[in-house]
C-alpha cells in the first residue's frame, strides 16, 4: 500500500489514486481532459503537485452534483497556476455553481410536489388527469412537462 507523506510536495499516480479514492485510469482521463496536470520525470513517470488532491476532490464533488466535466474544467481554469489555491479561491469558484444548483433544487421540489399527487392516481395520463391537468389546460402553455419547467 502506497502512502502519501504529509509533507510530500508531489505524489505519484498511485499515491494520488489511493489518497483521493479515484482510480489511476480516472486520473489519467482527468489529465487528458485538462482537469488536472502533472509533470513528467526523466523516466516519464507522472508527478502531481500536492494541491491536485484538492482539485480531484472538487472534480468528484462537482460530478456528484451533476455538473458536466466541461463546466468543471472551465471553472478550474479560474484557479491560479502559479500557487496553491487558497480557501478564498475555492470559495470564489464554488459560487459558480450556486445559481445552477438553486435552479435544480427548485425543479426537484416542483417534481416532488407535483409528481406524487398525479402518479398516485395510477392513470399516468397527464393530458386527461382531472386532478393535475383538467381539460388539458397546460397544453396551451407549450409542450413538455409544464409544471416542472421554469417560467
N, C-alpha and C. Protein backbone atom coordinates (compact mmCIF):
# COMPACT_ATOMS: atom_id res chain seq x y z
N UNK A 1 0.84 -1.17 0.00
CA UNK A 1 0.00 0.00 0.00
C UNK A 1 0.90 1.24 0.00
N UNK A 2 0.63 2.16 -0.94
CA UNK A 2 1.39 3.39 -1.08
C UNK A 2 0.75 4.48 -0.26
N UNK A 3 1.54 5.20 0.51
CA UNK A 3 1.01 6.28 1.34
C UNK A 3 1.64 7.60 0.92
N UNK A 4 0.82 8.63 0.87
CA UNK A 4 1.31 9.97 0.57
C UNK A 4 1.74 10.61 1.88
N UNK A 5 3.02 10.91 2.00
CA UNK A 5 3.55 11.53 3.22
C UNK A 5 2.92 12.90 3.42
N UNK A 6 2.71 13.27 4.66
CA UNK A 6 2.05 14.54 4.97
C UNK A 6 2.83 15.73 4.44
N UNK A 7 4.14 15.60 4.31
CA UNK A 7 4.96 16.73 3.86
C UNK A 7 5.42 16.60 2.41
N UNK A 8 4.89 15.63 1.68
CA UNK A 8 5.28 15.44 0.28
C UNK A 8 4.76 16.59 -0.57
N UNK A 9 5.62 17.10 -1.43
CA UNK A 9 5.21 18.18 -2.32
C UNK A 9 4.60 17.63 -3.61
N UNK A 10 4.93 16.38 -3.93
CA UNK A 10 4.42 15.74 -5.13
C UNK A 10 3.95 14.32 -4.80
N UNK A 11 3.09 13.81 -5.67
CA UNK A 11 2.57 12.46 -5.49
C UNK A 11 2.67 11.69 -6.80
N UNK A 12 2.93 10.41 -6.68
CA UNK A 12 2.87 9.54 -7.86
C UNK A 12 1.39 9.31 -8.17
N UNK A 13 1.11 8.72 -9.31
CA UNK A 13 -0.29 8.45 -9.65
C UNK A 13 -0.90 7.45 -8.67
N UNK A 14 -0.09 6.49 -8.20
CA UNK A 14 -0.58 5.53 -7.22
C UNK A 14 -0.91 6.18 -5.88
N UNK A 15 -0.05 7.09 -5.45
CA UNK A 15 -0.29 7.80 -4.19
C UNK A 15 -1.53 8.68 -4.29
N UNK A 16 -1.65 9.39 -5.41
CA UNK A 16 -2.80 10.26 -5.61
C UNK A 16 -4.09 9.44 -5.69
N UNK A 17 -4.02 8.31 -6.38
CA UNK A 17 -5.19 7.45 -6.50
C UNK A 17 -5.62 6.92 -5.14
N UNK A 18 -4.67 6.45 -4.37
CA UNK A 18 -5.01 5.91 -3.06
C UNK A 18 -5.56 6.97 -2.13
N UNK A 19 -4.93 8.11 -2.10
CA UNK A 19 -5.35 9.18 -1.19
C UNK A 19 -6.70 9.78 -1.59
N UNK A 20 -6.96 9.88 -2.90
CA UNK A 20 -8.19 10.50 -3.38
C UNK A 20 -9.35 9.52 -3.52
N UNK A 21 -9.03 8.23 -3.59
CA UNK A 21 -10.07 7.23 -3.80
C UNK A 21 -10.53 7.16 -5.25
N UNK A 22 -9.73 7.72 -6.15
CA UNK A 22 -10.04 7.75 -7.58
C UNK A 22 -9.06 6.84 -8.30
N UNK A 23 -9.55 6.00 -9.17
CA UNK A 23 -8.71 5.05 -9.90
C UNK A 23 -7.67 5.78 -10.75
N UNK A 24 -6.49 5.17 -10.90
CA UNK A 24 -5.47 5.77 -11.77
C UNK A 24 -5.99 6.05 -13.19
N UNK A 25 -6.83 5.17 -13.71
CA UNK A 25 -7.38 5.38 -15.05
C UNK A 25 -8.22 6.66 -15.09
N UNK A 26 -8.96 6.94 -14.02
CA UNK A 26 -9.75 8.17 -13.97
C UNK A 26 -8.84 9.39 -13.88
N UNK A 27 -7.74 9.27 -13.12
CA UNK A 27 -6.78 10.38 -13.03
C UNK A 27 -6.16 10.67 -14.38
N UNK A 28 -5.81 9.62 -15.13
CA UNK A 28 -5.26 9.83 -16.48
C UNK A 28 -6.30 10.48 -17.38
N UNK A 29 -7.56 10.06 -17.23
CA UNK A 29 -8.65 10.67 -18.01
C UNK A 29 -8.79 12.15 -17.66
N UNK A 30 -8.80 12.47 -16.37
CA UNK A 30 -8.90 13.87 -15.95
C UNK A 30 -7.76 14.68 -16.55
N UNK A 31 -6.59 14.08 -16.59
CA UNK A 31 -5.44 14.80 -17.15
C UNK A 31 -5.62 15.01 -18.65
N UNK A 32 -6.06 13.99 -19.36
CA UNK A 32 -6.31 14.14 -20.81
C UNK A 32 -7.36 15.21 -21.09
N UNK A 33 -8.32 15.32 -20.19
CA UNK A 33 -9.40 16.29 -20.36
C UNK A 33 -9.04 17.69 -19.88
N UNK A 34 -7.83 17.87 -19.36
CA UNK A 34 -7.36 19.19 -18.93
C UNK A 34 -7.88 19.61 -17.56
N UNK A 35 -8.35 18.66 -16.76
CA UNK A 35 -8.86 18.98 -15.43
C UNK A 35 -7.75 19.05 -14.39
N UNK A 36 -6.72 18.23 -14.55
CA UNK A 36 -5.55 18.24 -13.67
C UNK A 36 -4.30 18.19 -14.54
N UNK A 37 -3.16 18.50 -13.91
CA UNK A 37 -1.88 18.49 -14.64
C UNK A 37 -0.86 17.70 -13.85
N UNK A 38 0.11 17.17 -14.57
CA UNK A 38 1.24 16.52 -13.92
C UNK A 38 2.51 16.96 -14.65
N UNK A 39 3.61 16.71 -14.01
CA UNK A 39 4.88 16.88 -14.71
C UNK A 39 5.43 15.47 -14.90
N UNK A 40 6.35 15.33 -15.82
CA UNK A 40 6.95 14.02 -16.09
C UNK A 40 8.39 14.00 -15.58
N UNK A 41 8.75 12.87 -14.98
CA UNK A 41 10.13 12.69 -14.53
C UNK A 41 10.97 12.31 -15.75
N UNK A 42 12.28 12.20 -15.55
CA UNK A 42 13.14 11.78 -16.66
C UNK A 42 12.79 10.37 -17.11
N UNK A 43 12.19 9.58 -16.24
CA UNK A 43 11.73 8.24 -16.59
C UNK A 43 10.31 8.22 -17.13
N UNK A 44 9.76 9.41 -17.42
CA UNK A 44 8.42 9.59 -18.00
C UNK A 44 7.29 9.18 -17.04
N UNK A 45 7.55 9.25 -15.74
CA UNK A 45 6.51 8.96 -14.76
C UNK A 45 5.82 10.26 -14.37
N UNK A 46 4.51 10.14 -14.13
CA UNK A 46 3.73 11.31 -13.72
C UNK A 46 4.02 11.68 -12.27
N UNK A 47 4.10 12.98 -12.02
CA UNK A 47 4.19 13.51 -10.66
C UNK A 47 3.18 14.65 -10.56
N UNK A 48 2.34 14.56 -9.56
CA UNK A 48 1.28 15.54 -9.35
C UNK A 48 1.63 16.41 -8.14
N UNK A 49 1.40 17.71 -8.25
CA UNK A 49 1.62 18.58 -7.09
C UNK A 49 0.56 18.23 -6.05
N UNK A 50 0.89 18.47 -4.81
CA UNK A 50 0.01 18.08 -3.70
C UNK A 50 -1.38 18.71 -3.82
N UNK A 51 -1.47 19.93 -4.34
CA UNK A 51 -2.79 20.57 -4.43
C UNK A 51 -3.70 19.89 -5.44
N UNK A 52 -3.16 18.97 -6.24
CA UNK A 52 -4.00 18.21 -7.17
C UNK A 52 -5.02 17.38 -6.41
N UNK A 53 -4.66 16.96 -5.20
CA UNK A 53 -5.58 16.20 -4.37
C UNK A 53 -6.88 16.97 -4.13
N UNK A 54 -6.76 18.25 -3.85
CA UNK A 54 -7.95 19.07 -3.63
C UNK A 54 -8.72 19.27 -4.93
N UNK A 55 -8.01 19.41 -6.04
CA UNK A 55 -8.69 19.55 -7.33
C UNK A 55 -9.49 18.29 -7.66
N UNK A 56 -8.91 17.13 -7.38
CA UNK A 56 -9.62 15.88 -7.65
C UNK A 56 -10.87 15.79 -6.77
N UNK A 57 -10.75 16.18 -5.51
CA UNK A 57 -11.92 16.18 -4.61
C UNK A 57 -13.00 17.12 -5.15
N UNK A 58 -12.59 18.28 -5.65
CA UNK A 58 -13.54 19.24 -6.22
C UNK A 58 -14.22 18.65 -7.45
N UNK A 59 -13.45 17.99 -8.30
CA UNK A 59 -14.00 17.38 -9.51
C UNK A 59 -15.04 16.33 -9.13
N UNK A 60 -14.69 15.46 -8.20
CA UNK A 60 -15.60 14.38 -7.80
C UNK A 60 -16.88 14.94 -7.17
N UNK A 61 -16.74 15.93 -6.33
CA UNK A 61 -17.92 16.53 -5.70
C UNK A 61 -18.79 17.20 -6.75
N UNK A 62 -18.17 17.92 -7.67
CA UNK A 62 -18.92 18.59 -8.73
C UNK A 62 -19.65 17.58 -9.61
N UNK A 63 -18.99 16.47 -9.91
CA UNK A 63 -19.64 15.42 -10.71
C UNK A 63 -20.85 14.86 -9.98
N UNK A 64 -20.74 14.68 -8.67
CA UNK A 64 -21.88 14.17 -7.90
C UNK A 64 -23.06 15.14 -7.94
N UNK A 65 -22.78 16.41 -8.12
CA UNK A 65 -23.83 17.41 -8.24
C UNK A 65 -24.42 17.45 -9.65
N UNK A 66 -23.85 16.66 -10.56
CA UNK A 66 -24.35 16.60 -11.92
C UNK A 66 -23.77 17.65 -12.84
N UNK A 67 -22.66 18.25 -12.45
CA UNK A 67 -22.06 19.30 -13.27
C UNK A 67 -21.17 18.64 -14.32
N UNK A 68 -21.36 19.00 -15.59
CA UNK A 68 -20.58 18.40 -16.67
C UNK A 68 -19.08 18.70 -16.55
N UNK A 69 -18.26 17.76 -17.02
CA UNK A 69 -16.81 17.92 -16.93
C UNK A 69 -16.32 19.17 -17.65
N UNK A 70 -16.94 19.52 -18.76
CA UNK A 70 -16.51 20.73 -19.49
C UNK A 70 -16.71 21.97 -18.62
N UNK A 71 -17.79 22.02 -17.88
CA UNK A 71 -18.05 23.15 -16.99
C UNK A 71 -17.06 23.15 -15.83
N UNK A 72 -16.78 21.97 -15.30
CA UNK A 72 -15.81 21.85 -14.21
C UNK A 72 -14.44 22.33 -14.69
N UNK A 73 -14.04 21.93 -15.89
CA UNK A 73 -12.75 22.36 -16.45
C UNK A 73 -12.69 23.88 -16.58
N UNK A 74 -13.77 24.48 -17.07
CA UNK A 74 -13.80 25.94 -17.22
C UNK A 74 -13.61 26.64 -15.87
N UNK A 75 -14.29 26.14 -14.85
CA UNK A 75 -14.20 26.76 -13.53
C UNK A 75 -12.82 26.53 -12.92
N UNK A 76 -12.27 25.33 -13.09
CA UNK A 76 -10.92 25.08 -12.58
C UNK A 76 -9.90 25.99 -13.25
N UNK A 77 -10.19 26.41 -14.48
CA UNK A 77 -9.32 27.35 -15.18
C UNK A 77 -9.25 28.71 -14.51
N UNK A 78 -10.17 28.99 -13.61
CA UNK A 78 -10.17 30.26 -12.87
C UNK A 78 -9.22 30.24 -11.68
N UNK A 79 -8.71 29.05 -11.34
CA UNK A 79 -7.77 28.94 -10.22
C UNK A 79 -6.37 29.37 -10.67
N UNK A 80 -5.58 29.87 -9.75
CA UNK A 80 -4.21 30.30 -10.10
C UNK A 80 -3.32 29.10 -10.43
N UNK A 81 -2.46 29.28 -11.43
CA UNK A 81 -1.49 28.23 -11.79
C UNK A 81 -0.18 28.39 -11.05
N UNK A 82 0.10 29.60 -10.57
CA UNK A 82 1.41 29.90 -10.01
C UNK A 82 1.51 29.64 -8.50
N UNK A 83 0.41 29.21 -7.90
CA UNK A 83 0.44 28.95 -6.45
C UNK A 83 -0.67 27.98 -6.08
N UNK A 84 -0.59 27.45 -4.88
CA UNK A 84 -1.65 26.58 -4.37
C UNK A 84 -2.88 27.43 -4.09
N UNK A 85 -4.05 27.00 -4.58
CA UNK A 85 -5.27 27.78 -4.32
C UNK A 85 -5.56 27.90 -2.83
N UNK A 86 -6.05 29.05 -2.44
CA UNK A 86 -6.39 29.32 -1.05
C UNK A 86 -7.86 28.95 -0.82
N UNK A 87 -8.27 28.90 0.45
CA UNK A 87 -9.69 28.68 0.72
C UNK A 87 -10.57 29.74 0.04
N UNK A 88 -10.08 30.96 -0.05
CA UNK A 88 -10.83 32.03 -0.71
C UNK A 88 -10.99 31.73 -2.21
N UNK A 89 -9.93 31.19 -2.83
CA UNK A 89 -10.02 30.81 -4.25
C UNK A 89 -11.11 29.75 -4.44
N UNK A 90 -11.10 28.75 -3.56
CA UNK A 90 -12.09 27.67 -3.67
C UNK A 90 -13.50 28.19 -3.44
N UNK A 91 -13.67 29.08 -2.48
CA UNK A 91 -14.99 29.65 -2.21
C UNK A 91 -15.48 30.45 -3.41
N UNK A 92 -14.57 31.19 -4.02
CA UNK A 92 -14.93 32.01 -5.19
C UNK A 92 -15.42 31.14 -6.34
N UNK A 93 -14.71 30.06 -6.64
CA UNK A 93 -15.16 29.25 -7.78
C UNK A 93 -16.37 28.39 -7.43
N UNK A 94 -16.55 28.07 -6.15
CA UNK A 94 -17.73 27.32 -5.75
C UNK A 94 -19.01 28.14 -5.97
N UNK A 95 -18.88 29.45 -5.90
CA UNK A 95 -20.02 30.33 -6.16
C UNK A 95 -20.55 30.17 -7.58
N UNK A 96 -19.71 29.69 -8.49
CA UNK A 96 -20.13 29.50 -9.88
C UNK A 96 -21.29 28.50 -9.97
N UNK A 97 -21.41 27.62 -9.00
CA UNK A 97 -22.45 26.58 -9.04
C UNK A 97 -23.76 27.05 -8.41
N UNK A 98 -23.72 28.08 -7.58
CA UNK A 98 -24.87 28.43 -6.76
C UNK A 98 -26.15 28.62 -7.56
N UNK A 99 -26.13 29.42 -8.59
CA UNK A 99 -27.34 29.69 -9.36
C UNK A 99 -27.88 28.41 -10.02
N UNK A 100 -26.99 27.64 -10.59
CA UNK A 100 -27.41 26.38 -11.23
C UNK A 100 -27.98 25.42 -10.19
N UNK A 101 -27.34 25.30 -9.05
CA UNK A 101 -27.84 24.40 -8.01
C UNK A 101 -29.18 24.87 -7.46
N UNK A 102 -29.33 26.17 -7.27
CA UNK A 102 -30.62 26.69 -6.81
C UNK A 102 -31.73 26.36 -7.82
N UNK A 103 -31.43 26.50 -9.12
CA UNK A 103 -32.41 26.17 -10.16
C UNK A 103 -32.76 24.69 -10.10
N UNK A 104 -31.76 23.84 -9.95
CA UNK A 104 -32.00 22.39 -9.87
C UNK A 104 -32.84 22.04 -8.65
N UNK A 105 -32.56 22.68 -7.54
CA UNK A 105 -33.33 22.42 -6.32
C UNK A 105 -34.79 22.79 -6.53
N UNK A 106 -35.05 23.96 -7.13
CA UNK A 106 -36.43 24.37 -7.40
C UNK A 106 -37.13 23.37 -8.30
N UNK A 107 -36.43 22.89 -9.34
CA UNK A 107 -37.01 21.91 -10.26
C UNK A 107 -37.32 20.61 -9.53
N UNK A 108 -36.40 20.15 -8.71
CA UNK A 108 -36.64 18.91 -7.97
C UNK A 108 -37.78 19.06 -6.97
N UNK A 109 -37.90 20.22 -6.34
CA UNK A 109 -39.01 20.45 -5.42
C UNK A 109 -40.35 20.42 -6.16
N UNK A 110 -40.41 21.05 -7.35
CA UNK A 110 -41.64 21.01 -8.14
C UNK A 110 -41.95 19.58 -8.56
N UNK A 111 -40.93 18.85 -8.94
CA UNK A 111 -41.13 17.45 -9.32
C UNK A 111 -41.70 16.67 -8.14
N UNK A 112 -41.09 16.82 -6.99
CA UNK A 112 -41.56 16.13 -5.78
C UNK A 112 -43.00 16.51 -5.45
N UNK A 113 -43.30 17.79 -5.48
CA UNK A 113 -44.61 18.27 -5.06
C UNK A 113 -45.72 17.93 -6.06
N UNK A 114 -45.40 17.88 -7.35
CA UNK A 114 -46.43 17.64 -8.36
C UNK A 114 -46.52 16.18 -8.80
N UNK A 115 -45.44 15.50 -8.82
CA UNK A 115 -45.44 14.13 -9.33
C UNK A 115 -46.18 13.18 -8.40
N UNK A 116 -46.04 13.35 -7.12
CA UNK A 116 -46.65 12.44 -6.16
C UNK A 116 -48.16 12.40 -6.31
N UNK A 117 -48.81 13.55 -6.37
CA UNK A 117 -50.27 13.55 -6.44
C UNK A 117 -50.77 13.00 -7.77
N UNK A 118 -50.05 13.23 -8.84
CA UNK A 118 -50.52 12.73 -10.13
C UNK A 118 -50.24 11.24 -10.28
N UNK A 119 -49.03 10.83 -10.03
CA UNK A 119 -48.69 9.42 -10.17
C UNK A 119 -49.48 8.58 -9.17
N UNK A 120 -49.85 9.19 -8.05
CA UNK A 120 -50.61 8.47 -7.03
C UNK A 120 -51.93 7.93 -7.54
N UNK A 121 -52.55 8.57 -8.54
CA UNK A 121 -53.84 8.09 -9.05
C UNK A 121 -53.66 6.87 -9.93
N UNK A 122 -52.49 6.68 -10.48
CA UNK A 122 -52.22 5.50 -11.29
C UNK A 122 -52.58 5.62 -12.75
N UNK A 123 -53.23 6.70 -13.16
CA UNK A 123 -53.67 6.79 -14.56
C UNK A 123 -52.52 7.10 -15.51
N UNK A 124 -51.57 7.87 -15.07
CA UNK A 124 -50.42 8.28 -15.86
C UNK A 124 -50.79 9.02 -17.15
N UNK A 125 -52.03 9.48 -17.26
CA UNK A 125 -52.45 10.27 -18.42
C UNK A 125 -52.51 11.73 -18.03
N UNK A 126 -51.39 12.38 -18.09
CA UNK A 126 -51.33 13.77 -17.65
C UNK A 126 -52.23 14.69 -18.45
N UNK A 127 -52.47 14.35 -19.72
CA UNK A 127 -53.31 15.25 -20.52
C UNK A 127 -54.79 15.08 -20.20
N UNK A 128 -55.19 14.01 -19.51
CA UNK A 128 -56.60 13.81 -19.16
C UNK A 128 -56.84 13.83 -17.66
N UNK A 129 -55.79 13.98 -16.86
CA UNK A 129 -55.93 13.89 -15.41
C UNK A 129 -56.74 15.07 -14.87
N UNK A 130 -57.87 14.77 -14.23
CA UNK A 130 -58.72 15.84 -13.72
C UNK A 130 -58.12 16.52 -12.50
N UNK A 131 -57.19 15.85 -11.84
CA UNK A 131 -56.56 16.45 -10.67
C UNK A 131 -55.39 17.34 -11.06
N UNK A 132 -54.53 16.83 -11.92
CA UNK A 132 -53.29 17.53 -12.24
C UNK A 132 -53.41 18.46 -13.44
N UNK A 133 -54.26 18.10 -14.42
CA UNK A 133 -54.32 18.88 -15.65
C UNK A 133 -55.74 18.82 -16.23
N UNK A 134 -56.71 19.36 -15.52
CA UNK A 134 -58.10 19.26 -16.01
C UNK A 134 -58.26 19.92 -17.37
N UNK A 135 -58.92 19.18 -18.28
CA UNK A 135 -59.17 19.72 -19.62
C UNK A 135 -57.91 19.98 -20.41
N UNK A 136 -56.81 19.40 -20.02
CA UNK A 136 -55.51 19.59 -20.68
C UNK A 136 -55.17 21.07 -20.83
N UNK A 137 -55.49 21.86 -19.79
CA UNK A 137 -55.25 23.31 -19.84
C UNK A 137 -53.77 23.68 -19.96
N UNK A 138 -52.90 22.80 -19.51
CA UNK A 138 -51.47 23.11 -19.59
C UNK A 138 -50.93 23.07 -21.02
N UNK A 139 -51.65 22.40 -21.93
CA UNK A 139 -51.21 22.33 -23.32
C UNK A 139 -51.12 23.73 -23.94
N UNK A 140 -51.95 24.64 -23.46
CA UNK A 140 -51.92 26.00 -24.02
C UNK A 140 -50.66 26.77 -23.61
N UNK A 141 -49.93 26.25 -22.64
CA UNK A 141 -48.70 26.90 -22.18
C UNK A 141 -47.45 26.38 -22.89
N UNK A 142 -47.62 25.40 -23.78
CA UNK A 142 -46.49 24.88 -24.53
C UNK A 142 -46.28 23.39 -24.29
N UNK A 143 -45.35 22.80 -25.03
CA UNK A 143 -45.11 21.36 -24.91
C UNK A 143 -44.30 21.00 -23.67
N UNK A 144 -44.32 19.73 -23.36
CA UNK A 144 -43.47 19.21 -22.29
C UNK A 144 -44.14 19.29 -20.93
N UNK A 145 -43.40 18.91 -19.90
CA UNK A 145 -43.93 18.89 -18.53
C UNK A 145 -44.00 20.30 -17.95
N UNK A 146 -45.06 21.01 -18.28
CA UNK A 146 -45.18 22.44 -17.96
C UNK A 146 -45.02 22.75 -16.48
N UNK A 147 -45.51 21.89 -15.60
CA UNK A 147 -45.40 22.18 -14.17
C UNK A 147 -43.96 22.05 -13.67
N UNK A 148 -43.15 21.35 -14.43
CA UNK A 148 -41.77 21.14 -14.00
C UNK A 148 -40.81 22.11 -14.68
N UNK A 149 -41.26 22.77 -15.73
CA UNK A 149 -40.40 23.69 -16.47
C UNK A 149 -40.49 25.08 -15.85
N UNK A 150 -39.35 25.66 -15.58
CA UNK A 150 -39.31 27.01 -15.00
C UNK A 150 -39.79 28.03 -16.02
N UNK A 151 -40.54 29.00 -15.53
CA UNK A 151 -41.00 30.09 -16.43
C UNK A 151 -39.88 31.03 -16.74
